[in-house]
PDB file of N, CA and C in Angstrom:
ATOM      1  N   MET A   1      57.961 -58.820 112.641  1.00  0.00           N
ATOM      2  CA  MET A   1      58.595 -57.535 112.405  1.00  0.00           C
ATOM      3  C   MET A   1      59.624 -57.686 111.288  1.00  0.00           C
ATOM      4  N   ARG A   2      59.564 -56.808 110.318  1.00  0.00           N
ATOM      5  CA  ARG A   2      60.498 -56.846 109.192  1.00  0.00           C
ATOM      6  C   ARG A   2      61.817 -56.215 109.601  1.00  0.00           C
ATOM      7  N   HIS A   3      62.883 -56.801 109.065  1.00  0.00           N
ATOM      8  CA  HIS A   3      64.204 -56.219 109.288  1.00  0.00           C
ATOM      9  C   HIS A   3      64.261 -54.883 108.565  1.00  0.00           C
ATOM     10  N   ARG A   4      64.884 -53.943 109.173  1.00  0.00           N
ATOM     11  CA  ARG A   4      64.941 -52.586 108.640  1.00  0.00           C
ATOM     12  C   ARG A   4      65.507 -52.517 107.227  1.00  0.00           C
ATOM     13  N   ASN A   5      66.498 -53.323 106.906  1.00  0.00           N
ATOM     14  CA  ASN A   5      67.138 -53.277 105.595  1.00  0.00           C
ATOM     15  C   ASN A   5      66.377 -54.046 104.523  1.00  0.00           C
ATOM     16  N   SER A   6      65.365 -54.808 104.904  1.00  0.00           N
ATOM     17  CA  SER A   6      64.662 -55.616 103.912  1.00  0.00           C
ATOM     18  C   SER A   6      63.944 -54.747 102.880  1.00  0.00           C
ATOM     19  N   ALA A   7      63.579 -53.528 103.240  1.00  0.00           N
ATOM     20  CA  ALA A   7      62.928 -52.631 102.295  1.00  0.00           C
ATOM     21  C   ALA A   7      63.929 -52.056 101.291  1.00  0.00           C
ATOM     22  N   HIS A   8      65.192 -52.112 101.637  1.00  0.00           N
ATOM     23  CA  HIS A   8      66.257 -51.591 100.788  1.00  0.00           C
ATOM     24  C   HIS A   8      67.305 -52.674 100.582  1.00  0.00           C
ATOM     25  N   PRO A   9      67.070 -53.547  99.594  1.00  0.00           N
ATOM     26  CA  PRO A   9      68.019 -54.637  99.369  1.00  0.00           C
ATOM     27  C   PRO A   9      69.428 -54.094  99.088  1.00  0.00           C
ATOM     28  N   LYS A  10      70.400 -54.844  99.528  1.00  0.00           N
ATOM     29  CA  LYS A  10      71.787 -54.439  99.345  1.00  0.00           C
ATOM     30  C   LYS A  10      72.139 -54.471  97.861  1.00  0.00           C
ATOM     31  N   LYS A  11      72.787 -53.418  97.420  1.00  0.00           N
ATOM     32  CA  LYS A  11      73.206 -53.314  96.027  1.00  0.00           C
ATOM     33  C   LYS A  11      74.725 -53.391  95.948  1.00  0.00           C
ATOM     34  N   TYR A  12      75.198 -53.972  94.872  1.00  0.00           N
ATOM     35  CA  TYR A  12      76.639 -54.105  94.655  1.00  0.00           C
ATOM     36  C   TYR A  12      77.244 -52.744  94.357  1.00  0.00           C
ATOM     37  N   VAL A  13      78.431 -52.500  94.887  1.00  0.00           N
ATOM     38  CA  VAL A  13      79.090 -51.196  94.764  1.00  0.00           C
ATOM     39  C   VAL A  13      79.728 -50.972  93.397  1.00  0.00           C
ATOM     40  N   GLY A  14      79.884 -52.024  92.629  1.00  0.00           N
ATOM     41  CA  GLY A  14      80.552 -51.922  91.326  1.00  0.00           C
ATOM     42  C   GLY A  14      81.980 -52.409  91.424  1.00  0.00           C
ATOM     43  N   ILE A  15      82.459 -53.029  90.359  1.00  0.00           N
ATOM     44  CA  ILE A  15      83.775 -53.662  90.388  1.00  0.00           C
ATOM     45  C   ILE A  15      84.895 -52.666  90.709  1.00  0.00           C
ATOM     46  N   TYR A  16      84.758 -51.423  90.247  1.00  0.00           N
ATOM     47  CA  TYR A  16      85.824 -50.448  90.492  1.00  0.00           C
ATOM     48  C   TYR A  16      85.747 -49.822  91.876  1.00  0.00           C
ATOM     49  N   ASN A  17      84.655 -50.047  92.591  1.00  0.00           N
ATOM     50  CA  ASN A  17      84.505 -49.546  93.963  1.00  0.00           C
ATOM     51  C   ASN A  17      84.620 -50.666  94.989  1.00  0.00           C
ATOM     52  N   ASP A  18      84.790 -51.881  94.531  1.00  0.00           N
ATOM     53  CA  ASP A  18      84.852 -53.052  95.404  1.00  0.00           C
ATOM     54  C   ASP A  18      86.169 -53.064  96.175  1.00  0.00           C
ATOM     55  N   ILE A  19      86.196 -53.812  97.263  1.00  0.00           N
ATOM     56  CA  ILE A  19      87.419 -53.929  98.051  1.00  0.00           C
ATOM     57  C   ILE A  19      88.511 -54.618  97.226  1.00  0.00           C
ATOM     58  N   ASN A  20      89.729 -54.425  97.624  1.00  0.00           N
ATOM     59  CA  ASN A  20      90.890 -55.025  96.959  1.00  0.00           C
ATOM     60  C   ASN A  20      90.931 -54.713  95.467  1.00  0.00           C
ATOM     61  N   GLY A  21      90.476 -53.529  95.097  1.00  0.00           N
ATOM     62  CA  GLY A  21      90.518 -53.143  93.698  1.00  0.00           C
ATOM     63  C   GLY A  21      89.697 -54.053  92.791  1.00  0.00           C
ATOM     64  N   GLY A  22      88.680 -54.684  93.357  1.00  0.00           N
ATOM     65  CA  GLY A  22      87.821 -55.569  92.571  1.00  0.00           C
ATOM     66  C   GLY A  22      88.307 -57.010  92.506  1.00  0.00           C
ATOM     67  N   MET A  23      89.340 -57.332  93.273  1.00  0.00           N
ATOM     68  CA  MET A  23      89.849 -58.706  93.285  1.00  0.00           C
ATOM     69  C   MET A  23      89.067 -59.513  94.326  1.00  0.00           C
ATOM     70  N   THR A  24      87.798 -59.697  94.017  1.00  0.00           N
ATOM     71  CA  THR A  24      86.871 -60.424  94.882  1.00  0.00           C
ATOM     72  C   THR A  24      86.166 -61.479  94.046  1.00  0.00           C
ATOM     73  N   ASP A  25      85.386 -62.324  94.691  1.00  0.00           N
ATOM     74  CA  ASP A  25      84.621 -63.332  93.941  1.00  0.00           C
ATOM     75  C   ASP A  25      83.657 -62.661  92.966  1.00  0.00           C
ATOM     76  N   THR A  26      83.000 -61.607  93.413  1.00  0.00           N
ATOM     77  CA  THR A  26      82.077 -60.903  92.527  1.00  0.00           C
ATOM     78  C   THR A  26      82.832 -60.248  91.376  1.00  0.00           C
ATOM     79  N   GLY A  27      83.983 -59.680  91.673  1.00  0.00           N
ATOM     80  CA  GLY A  27      84.811 -59.091  90.627  1.00  0.00           C
ATOM     81  C   GLY A  27      85.214 -60.115  89.580  1.00  0.00           C
ATOM     82  N   LYS A  28      85.530 -61.325  90.024  1.00  0.00           N
ATOM     83  CA  LYS A  28      85.912 -62.390  89.092  1.00  0.00           C
ATOM     84  C   LYS A  28      84.738 -62.752  88.183  1.00  0.00           C
ATOM     85  N   ILE A  29      83.555 -62.826  88.752  1.00  0.00           N
ATOM     86  CA  ILE A  29      82.361 -63.125  87.952  1.00  0.00           C
ATOM     87  C   ILE A  29      82.195 -62.066  86.859  1.00  0.00           C
ATOM     88  N   ILE A  30      82.339 -60.813  87.239  1.00  0.00           N
ATOM     89  CA  ILE A  30      82.163 -59.713  86.280  1.00  0.00           C
ATOM     90  C   ILE A  30      83.236 -59.766  85.203  1.00  0.00           C
ATOM     91  N   ARG A  31      84.489 -59.948  85.595  1.00  0.00           N
ATOM     92  CA  ARG A  31      85.565 -60.019  84.596  1.00  0.00           C
ATOM     93  C   ARG A  31      85.343 -61.186  83.640  1.00  0.00           C
ATOM     94  N   ASP A  32      84.936 -62.326  84.163  1.00  0.00           N
ATOM     95  CA  ASP A  32      84.674 -63.479  83.300  1.00  0.00           C
ATOM     96  C   ASP A  32      83.483 -63.219  82.384  1.00  0.00           C
ATOM     97  N   ALA A  33      82.484 -62.495  82.886  1.00  0.00           N
ATOM     98  CA  ALA A  33      81.337 -62.145  82.045  1.00  0.00           C
ATOM     99  C   ALA A  33      81.775 -61.234  80.902  1.00  0.00           C
ATOM    100  N   TRP A  34      82.745 -60.372  81.160  1.00  0.00           N
ATOM    101  CA  TRP A  34      83.308 -59.545  80.091  1.00  0.00           C
ATOM    102  C   TRP A  34      83.975 -60.421  79.039  1.00  0.00           C
ATOM    103  N   VAL A  35      84.758 -61.403  79.510  1.00  0.00           N
ATOM    104  CA  VAL A  35      85.471 -62.294  78.591  1.00  0.00           C
ATOM    105  C   VAL A  35      84.495 -62.971  77.641  1.00  0.00           C
ATOM    106  N   PHE A  36      83.400 -63.462  78.176  1.00  0.00           N
ATOM    107  CA  PHE A  36      82.437 -64.221  77.386  1.00  0.00           C
ATOM    108  C   PHE A  36      81.370 -63.334  76.726  1.00  0.00           C
ATOM    109  N   ASP A  37      81.558 -62.027  76.787  1.00  0.00           N
ATOM    110  CA  ASP A  37      80.610 -61.073  76.186  1.00  0.00           C
ATOM    111  C   ASP A  37      79.187 -61.231  76.713  1.00  0.00           C
ATOM    112  N   LEU A  38      79.069 -61.608  77.968  1.00  0.00           N
ATOM    113  CA  LEU A  38      77.747 -61.690  78.584  1.00  0.00           C
ATOM    114  C   LEU A  38      77.261 -60.301  78.976  1.00  0.00           C
ATOM    115  N   ILE A  39      78.201 -59.426  79.276  1.00  0.00           N
ATOM    116  CA  ILE A  39      77.942 -58.012  79.525  1.00  0.00           C
ATOM    117  C   ILE A  39      79.089 -57.240  78.880  1.00  0.00           C
ATOM    118  N   PRO A  40      78.857 -55.998  78.490  1.00  0.00           N
ATOM    119  CA  PRO A  40      79.953 -55.219  77.906  1.00  0.00           C
ATOM    120  C   PRO A  40      81.005 -54.868  78.963  1.00  0.00           C
ATOM    121  N   GLU A  41      82.219 -54.661  78.523  1.00  0.00           N
ATOM    122  CA  GLU A  41      83.288 -54.323  79.468  1.00  0.00           C
ATOM    123  C   GLU A  41      83.037 -52.999  80.180  1.00  0.00           C
ATOM    124  N   SER A  42      82.153 -52.192  79.661  1.00  0.00           N
ATOM    125  CA  SER A  42      81.801 -50.931  80.319  1.00  0.00           C
ATOM    126  C   SER A  42      80.841 -51.136  81.493  1.00  0.00           C
ATOM    127  N   GLU A  43      80.260 -52.343  81.607  1.00  0.00           N
ATOM    128  CA  GLU A  43      79.296 -52.637  82.674  1.00  0.00           C
ATOM    129  C   GLU A  43      80.046 -53.024  83.946  1.00  0.00           C
ATOM    130  N   THR A  44      79.943 -52.193  84.980  1.00  0.00           N
ATOM    131  CA  THR A  44      80.626 -52.453  86.250  1.00  0.00           C
ATOM    132  C   THR A  44      79.726 -53.164  87.258  1.00  0.00           C
ATOM    133  N   CYS A  45      78.453 -53.294  86.931  1.00  0.00           N
ATOM    134  CA  CYS A  45      77.425 -53.908  87.778  1.00  0.00           C
ATOM    135  C   CYS A  45      77.117 -53.085  89.027  1.00  0.00           C
ATOM    136  N   GLU A  46      77.549 -51.836  89.031  1.00  0.00           N
ATOM    137  CA  GLU A  46      77.227 -50.950  90.145  1.00  0.00           C
ATOM    138  C   GLU A  46      75.720 -50.812  90.254  1.00  0.00           C
ATOM    139  N   GLY A  47      75.202 -51.003  91.462  1.00  0.00           N
ATOM    140  CA  GLY A  47      73.777 -50.891  91.711  1.00  0.00           C
ATOM    141  C   GLY A  47      72.998 -52.180  91.488  1.00  0.00           C
ATOM    142  N   TRP A  48      73.672 -53.233  91.028  1.00  0.00           N
ATOM    143  CA  TRP A  48      72.980 -54.508  90.803  1.00  0.00           C
ATOM    144  C   TRP A  48      72.614 -55.139  92.146  1.00  0.00           C
ATOM    145  N   LEU A  49      71.483 -55.810  92.156  1.00  0.00           N
ATOM    146  CA  LEU A  49      71.067 -56.585  93.322  1.00  0.00           C
ATOM    147  C   LEU A  49      71.749 -57.949  93.295  1.00  0.00           C
ATOM    148  N   LEU A  50      71.787 -58.597  94.435  1.00  0.00           N
ATOM    149  CA  LEU A  50      72.418 -59.910  94.560  1.00  0.00           C
ATOM    150  C   LEU A  50      71.877 -60.905  93.538  1.00  0.00           C
ATOM    151  N   GLN A  51      70.583 -60.874  93.286  1.00  0.00           N
ATOM    152  CA  GLN A  51      69.969 -61.800  92.327  1.00  0.00           C
ATOM    153  C   GLN A  51      70.567 -61.630  90.934  1.00  0.00           C
ATOM    154  N   GLY A  52      70.828 -60.396  90.527  1.00  0.00           N
ATOM    155  CA  GLY A  52      71.430 -60.146  89.220  1.00  0.00           C
ATOM    156  C   GLY A  52      72.841 -60.701  89.135  1.00  0.00           C
ATOM    157  N   ILE A  53      73.600 -60.547  90.208  1.00  0.00           N
ATOM    158  CA  ILE A  53      74.964 -61.097  90.252  1.00  0.00           C
ATOM    159  C   ILE A  53      74.902 -62.626  90.220  1.00  0.00           C
ATOM    160  N   ASP A  54      73.972 -63.205  90.972  1.00  0.00           N
ATOM    161  CA  ASP A  54      73.805 -64.668  90.972  1.00  0.00           C
ATOM    162  C   ASP A  54      73.446 -65.187  89.584  1.00  0.00           C
ATOM    163  N   ASP A  55      72.543 -64.494  88.903  1.00  0.00           N
ATOM    164  CA  ASP A  55      72.164 -64.895  87.543  1.00  0.00           C
ATOM    165  C   ASP A  55      73.375 -64.834  86.607  1.00  0.00           C
ATOM    166  N   LEU A  56      74.160 -63.767  86.736  1.00  0.00           N
ATOM    167  CA  LEU A  56      75.351 -63.618  85.909  1.00  0.00           C
ATOM    168  C   LEU A  56      76.341 -64.740  86.203  1.00  0.00           C
ATOM    169  N   TRP A  57      76.497 -65.088  87.483  1.00  0.00           N
ATOM    170  CA  TRP A  57      77.399 -66.175  87.875  1.00  0.00           C
ATOM    171  C   TRP A  57      76.984 -67.482  87.204  1.00  0.00           C
ATOM    172  N   GLY A  58      75.691 -67.753  87.162  1.00  0.00           N
ATOM    173  CA  GLY A  58      75.198 -68.965  86.502  1.00  0.00           C
ATOM    174  C   GLY A  58      75.543 -68.984  85.024  1.00  0.00           C
ATOM    175  N   LYS A  59      75.397 -67.850  84.361  1.00  0.00           N
ATOM    176  CA  LYS A  59      75.728 -67.761  82.937  1.00  0.00           C
ATOM    177  C   LYS A  59      77.229 -67.921  82.704  1.00  0.00           C
ATOM    178  N   VAL A  60      78.027 -67.308  83.572  1.00  0.00           N
ATOM    179  CA  VAL A  60      79.491 -67.433  83.472  1.00  0.00           C
ATOM    180  C   VAL A  60      79.889 -68.894  83.657  1.00  0.00           C
ATOM    181  N   ASN A  61      79.298 -69.548  84.645  1.00  0.00           N
ATOM    182  CA  ASN A  61      79.605 -70.965  84.898  1.00  0.00           C
ATOM    183  C   ASN A  61      79.283 -71.829  83.682  1.00  0.00           C
ATOM    184  N   MET A  62      78.154 -71.552  83.027  1.00  0.00           N
ATOM    185  CA  MET A  62      77.784 -72.327  81.841  1.00  0.00           C
ATOM    186  C   MET A  62      78.820 -72.152  80.733  1.00  0.00           C
ATOM    187  N   GLU A  63      79.352 -70.945  80.589  1.00  0.00           N
ATOM    188  CA  GLU A  63      80.390 -70.706  79.576  1.00  0.00           C
ATOM    189  C   GLU A  63      81.678 -71.435  79.939  1.00  0.00           C
ATOM    190  N   TRP A  64      82.109 -71.329  81.190  1.00  0.00           N
ATOM    191  CA  TRP A  64      83.339 -72.009  81.615  1.00  0.00           C
ATOM    192  C   TRP A  64      83.226 -73.519  81.449  1.00  0.00           C
ATOM    193  N   GLU A  65      82.038 -74.046  81.698  1.00  0.00           N
ATOM    194  CA  GLU A  65      81.815 -75.488  81.589  1.00  0.00           C
ATOM    195  C   GLU A  65      82.185 -75.997  80.194  1.00  0.00           C
ATOM    196  N   LYS A  66      81.937 -75.192  79.172  1.00  0.00           N
ATOM    197  CA  LYS A  66      82.263 -75.572  77.794  1.00  0.00           C
ATOM    198  C   LYS A  66      83.761 -75.829  77.604  1.00  0.00           C
ATOM    199  N   TYR A  67      84.556 -75.202  78.464  1.00  0.00           N
ATOM    200  CA  TYR A  67      86.019 -75.284  78.342  1.00  0.00           C
ATOM    201  C   TYR A  67      86.647 -76.004  79.529  1.00  0.00           C
ATOM    202  N   GLY A  68      85.849 -76.774  80.234  1.00  0.00           N
ATOM    203  CA  GLY A  68      86.359 -77.538  81.368  1.00  0.00           C
ATOM    204  C   GLY A  68      86.910 -76.666  82.482  1.00  0.00           C
ATOM    205  N   PHE A  69      86.428 -75.435  82.572  1.00  0.00           N
ATOM    206  CA  PHE A  69      86.857 -74.488  83.599  1.00  0.00           C
ATOM    207  C   PHE A  69      88.364 -74.233  83.562  1.00  0.00           C
ATOM    208  N   GLN A  70      88.964 -74.327  82.369  1.00  0.00           N
ATOM    209  CA  GLN A  70      90.409 -74.146  82.227  1.00  0.00           C
ATOM    210  C   GLN A  70      90.712 -73.070  81.189  1.00  0.00           C
ATOM    211  N   VAL A  71      91.524 -72.103  81.594  1.00  0.00           N
ATOM    212  CA  VAL A  71      91.926 -71.035  80.683  1.00  0.00           C
ATOM    213  C   VAL A  71      92.634 -71.616  79.467  1.00  0.00           C
ATOM    214  N   SER A  72      93.430 -72.648  79.680  1.00  0.00           N
ATOM    215  CA  SER A  72      94.203 -73.237  78.573  1.00  0.00           C
ATOM    216  C   SER A  72      93.320 -73.834  77.481  1.00  0.00           C
ATOM    217  N   ARG A  73      92.064 -74.112  77.793  1.00  0.00           N
ATOM    218  CA  ARG A  73      91.147 -74.688  76.797  1.00  0.00           C
ATOM    219  C   ARG A  73      90.338 -73.632  76.057  1.00  0.00           C
ATOM    220  N   LEU A  74      90.491 -72.381  76.449  1.00  0.00           N
ATOM    221  CA  LEU A  74      89.777 -71.317  75.743  1.00  0.00           C
ATOM    222  C   LEU A  74      90.345 -71.169  74.335  1.00  0.00           C
ATOM    223  N   PRO A  75      89.502 -70.818  73.361  1.00  0.00           N
ATOM    224  CA  PRO A  75      90.032 -70.490  72.030  1.00  0.00           C
ATOM    225  C   PRO A  75      90.986 -69.302  72.157  1.00  0.00           C
ATOM    226  N   ASP A  76      91.900 -69.194  71.222  1.00  0.00           N
ATOM    227  CA  ASP A  76      92.936 -68.160  71.296  1.00  0.00           C
ATOM    228  C   ASP A  76      92.366 -66.771  71.563  1.00  0.00           C
ATOM    229  N   ASP A  77      91.303 -66.396  70.844  1.00  0.00           N
ATOM    230  CA  ASP A  77      90.769 -65.042  71.014  1.00  0.00           C
ATOM    231  C   ASP A  77      90.230 -64.820  72.429  1.00  0.00           C
ATOM    232  N   LEU A  78      89.548 -65.816  72.989  1.00  0.00           N
ATOM    233  CA  LEU A  78      89.028 -65.682  74.352  1.00  0.00           C
ATOM    234  C   LEU A  78      90.152 -65.718  75.375  1.00  0.00           C
ATOM    235  N   ARG A  79      91.146 -66.563  75.144  1.00  0.00           N
ATOM    236  CA  ARG A  79      92.278 -66.643  76.075  1.00  0.00           C
ATOM    237  C   ARG A  79      93.036 -65.307  76.103  1.00  0.00           C
ATOM    238  N   GLU A  80      93.241 -64.719  74.927  1.00  0.00           N
ATOM    239  CA  GLU A  80      93.919 -63.417  74.870  1.00  0.00           C
ATOM    240  C   GLU A  80      93.097 -62.341  75.575  1.00  0.00           C
ATOM    241  N   LYS A  81      91.788 -62.363  75.369  1.00  0.00           N
ATOM    242  CA  LYS A  81      90.911 -61.403  76.034  1.00  0.00           C
ATOM    243  C   LYS A  81      90.937 -61.616  77.544  1.00  0.00           C
ATOM    244  N   PHE A  82      90.881 -62.879  77.975  1.00  0.00           N
ATOM    245  CA  PHE A  82      90.940 -63.212  79.396  1.00  0.00           C
ATOM    246  C   PHE A  82      92.219 -62.651  80.009  1.00  0.00           C
ATOM    247  N   MET A  83      93.345 -62.893  79.358  1.00  0.00           N
ATOM    248  CA  MET A  83      94.633 -62.444  79.897  1.00  0.00           C
ATOM    249  C   MET A  83      94.701 -60.916  79.941  1.00  0.00           C
ATOM    250  N   ARG A  84      94.206 -60.253  78.924  1.00  0.00           N
ATOM    251  CA  ARG A  84      94.203 -58.784  78.915  1.00  0.00           C
ATOM    252  C   ARG A  84      93.371 -58.251  80.075  1.00  0.00           C
ATOM    253  N   ILE A  85      92.167 -58.775  80.230  1.00  0.00           N
ATOM    254  CA  ILE A  85      91.272 -58.313  81.299  1.00  0.00           C
ATOM    255  C   ILE A  85      91.891 -58.587  82.667  1.00  0.00           C
ATOM    256  N   GLN A  86      92.474 -59.772  82.847  1.00  0.00           N
ATOM    257  CA  GLN A  86      93.087 -60.104  84.136  1.00  0.00           C
ATOM    258  C   GLN A  86      94.286 -59.211  84.433  1.00  0.00           C
ATOM    259  N   ASN A  87      95.130 -59.009  83.429  1.00  0.00           N
ATOM    260  CA  ASN A  87      96.306 -58.170  83.638  1.00  0.00           C
ATOM    261  C   ASN A  87      95.917 -56.735  83.979  1.00  0.00           C
ATOM    262  N   GLU A  88      94.897 -56.209  83.302  1.00  0.00           N
ATOM    263  CA  GLU A  88      94.411 -54.866  83.611  1.00  0.00           C
ATOM    264  C   GLU A  88      93.840 -54.818  85.027  1.00  0.00           C
ATOM    265  N   ALA A  89      93.133 -55.866  85.421  1.00  0.00           N
ATOM    266  CA  ALA A  89      92.533 -55.918  86.759  1.00  0.00           C
ATOM    267  C   ALA A  89      93.611 -55.976  87.835  1.00  0.00           C
ATOM    268  N   ILE A  90      94.641 -56.754  87.594  1.00  0.00           N
ATOM    269  CA  ILE A  90      95.737 -56.863  88.562  1.00  0.00           C
ATOM    270  C   ILE A  90      96.434 -55.518  88.710  1.00  0.00           C
ATOM    271  N   GLN A  91      96.693 -54.858  87.599  1.00  0.00           N
ATOM    272  CA  GLN A  91      97.342 -53.551  87.652  1.00  0.00           C
ATOM    273  C   GLN A  91      96.475 -52.548  88.424  1.00  0.00           C
ATOM    274  N   ARG A  92      95.167 -52.509  88.111  1.00  0.00           N
ATOM    275  CA  ARG A  92      94.242 -51.602  88.797  1.00  0.00           C
ATOM    276  C   ARG A  92      94.193 -51.910  90.291  1.00  0.00           C
ATOM    277  N   ALA A  93      94.156 -53.191  90.629  1.00  0.00           N
ATOM    278  CA  ALA A  93      94.070 -53.594  92.032  1.00  0.00           C
ATOM    279  C   ALA A  93      95.343 -53.224  92.794  1.00  0.00           C
ATOM    280  N   ARG A  94      96.481 -53.417  92.171  1.00  0.00           N
ATOM    281  CA  ARG A  94      97.742 -53.040  92.840  1.00  0.00           C
ATOM    282  C   ARG A  94      97.821 -51.535  93.046  1.00  0.00           C
ATOM    283  N   GLU A  95      97.295 -50.773  92.090  1.00  0.00           N
ATOM    284  CA  GLU A  95      97.244 -49.314  92.250  1.00  0.00           C
ATOM    285  C   GLU A  95      96.324 -48.930  93.408  1.00  0.00           C
ATOM    286  N   ALA A  96      95.378 -49.807  93.733  1.00  0.00           N
ATOM    287  CA  ALA A  96      94.469 -49.594  94.860  1.00  0.00           C
ATOM    288  C   ALA A  96      95.007 -50.255  96.127  1.00  0.00           C
ATOM    289  N   ASP A  97      96.301 -50.571  96.129  1.00  0.00           N
ATOM    290  CA  ASP A  97      96.997 -51.163  97.277  1.00  0.00           C
ATOM    291  C   ASP A  97      96.613 -52.599  97.582  1.00  0.00           C
ATOM    292  N   TRP A  98      96.099 -53.319  96.598  1.00  0.00           N
ATOM    293  CA  TRP A  98      95.840 -54.750  96.780  1.00  0.00           C
ATOM    294  C   TRP A  98      97.167 -55.484  96.807  1.00  0.00           C
ATOM    295  N   ASP A  99      97.330 -56.374  97.760  1.00  0.00           N
ATOM    296  CA  ASP A  99      98.549 -57.158  97.911  1.00  0.00           C
ATOM    297  C   ASP A  99      98.169 -58.634  97.921  1.00  0.00           C
ATOM    298  N   PRO A 100      98.380 -59.333  96.788  1.00  0.00           N
ATOM    299  CA  PRO A 100      97.977 -60.744  96.735  1.00  0.00           C
ATOM    300  C   PRO A 100      98.720 -61.602  97.753  1.00  0.00           C
ATOM    301  N   ASP A 101      99.949 -61.242  98.077  1.00  0.00           N
ATOM    302  CA  ASP A 101     100.701 -62.009  99.074  1.00  0.00           C
ATOM    303  C   ASP A 101     100.057 -61.901 100.452  1.00  0.00           C
ATOM    304  N   LYS A 102      99.506 -60.736 100.784  1.00  0.00           N
ATOM    305  CA  LYS A 102      98.828 -60.569 102.063  1.00  0.00           C
ATOM    306  C   LYS A 102      97.596 -61.473 102.138  1.00  0.00           C
ATOM    307  N   ASP A 103      96.859 -61.574 101.025  1.00  0.00           N
ATOM    308  CA  ASP A 103      95.688 -62.461 101.002  1.00  0.00           C
ATOM    309  C   ASP A 103      96.094 -63.899 101.288  1.00  0.00           C
ATOM    310  N   LEU A 104      97.204 -64.323 100.716  1.00  0.00           N
ATOM    311  CA  LEU A 104      97.683 -65.688 100.956  1.00  0.00           C
ATOM    312  C   LEU A 104      98.100 -65.875 102.407  1.00  0.00           C
ATOM    313  N   GLN A 105      98.741 -64.873 102.994  1.00  0.00           N
ATOM    314  CA  GLN A 105      99.148 -64.954 104.398  1.00  0.00           C
ATOM    315  C   GLN A 105      97.944 -65.038 105.309  1.00  0.00           C
ATOM    316  N   ASP A 106      96.889 -64.307 104.968  1.00  0.00           N
ATOM    317  CA  ASP A 106      95.670 -64.318 105.777  1.00  0.00           C
ATOM    318  C   ASP A 106      95.008 -65.688 105.796  1.00  0.00           C
ATOM    319  N   GLU A 107      95.217 -66.497 104.759  1.00  0.00           N
ATOM    320  CA  GLU A 107      94.591 -67.811 104.676  1.00  0.00           C
ATOM    321  C   GLU A 107      95.359 -68.875 105.476  1.00  0.00           C
ATOM    322  N   ARG A 108      96.559 -68.553 105.879  1.00  0.00           N
ATOM    323  CA  ARG A 108      97.373 -69.542 106.613  1.00  0.00           C
ATOM    324  C   ARG A 108      96.977 -69.649 108.047  1.00  0.00           C
TER     325      ARG A 108
END
């Protein structure tokens, strides 16, 4: 017997509809993909299937690998873009009532 949801694979809600204002693992993948121009900044990945997100994660990882997974090793233009995207994401998430301190408390 097939599971009822197997006919309708789960689709991603999009970075702007994600929990915590998009401050999730999937949100990080998307923001990093923007930094590396793997997808345009207008692409929220809304409606993407898990496989598409996984593929994007692999591409993002390959880009980070070039820089030892460190922001400080990014070329100036990419580092500036990274910081802009992150700062905008943090502001958007806080406007959506994301509290980074609460996340840290939850991990204790």
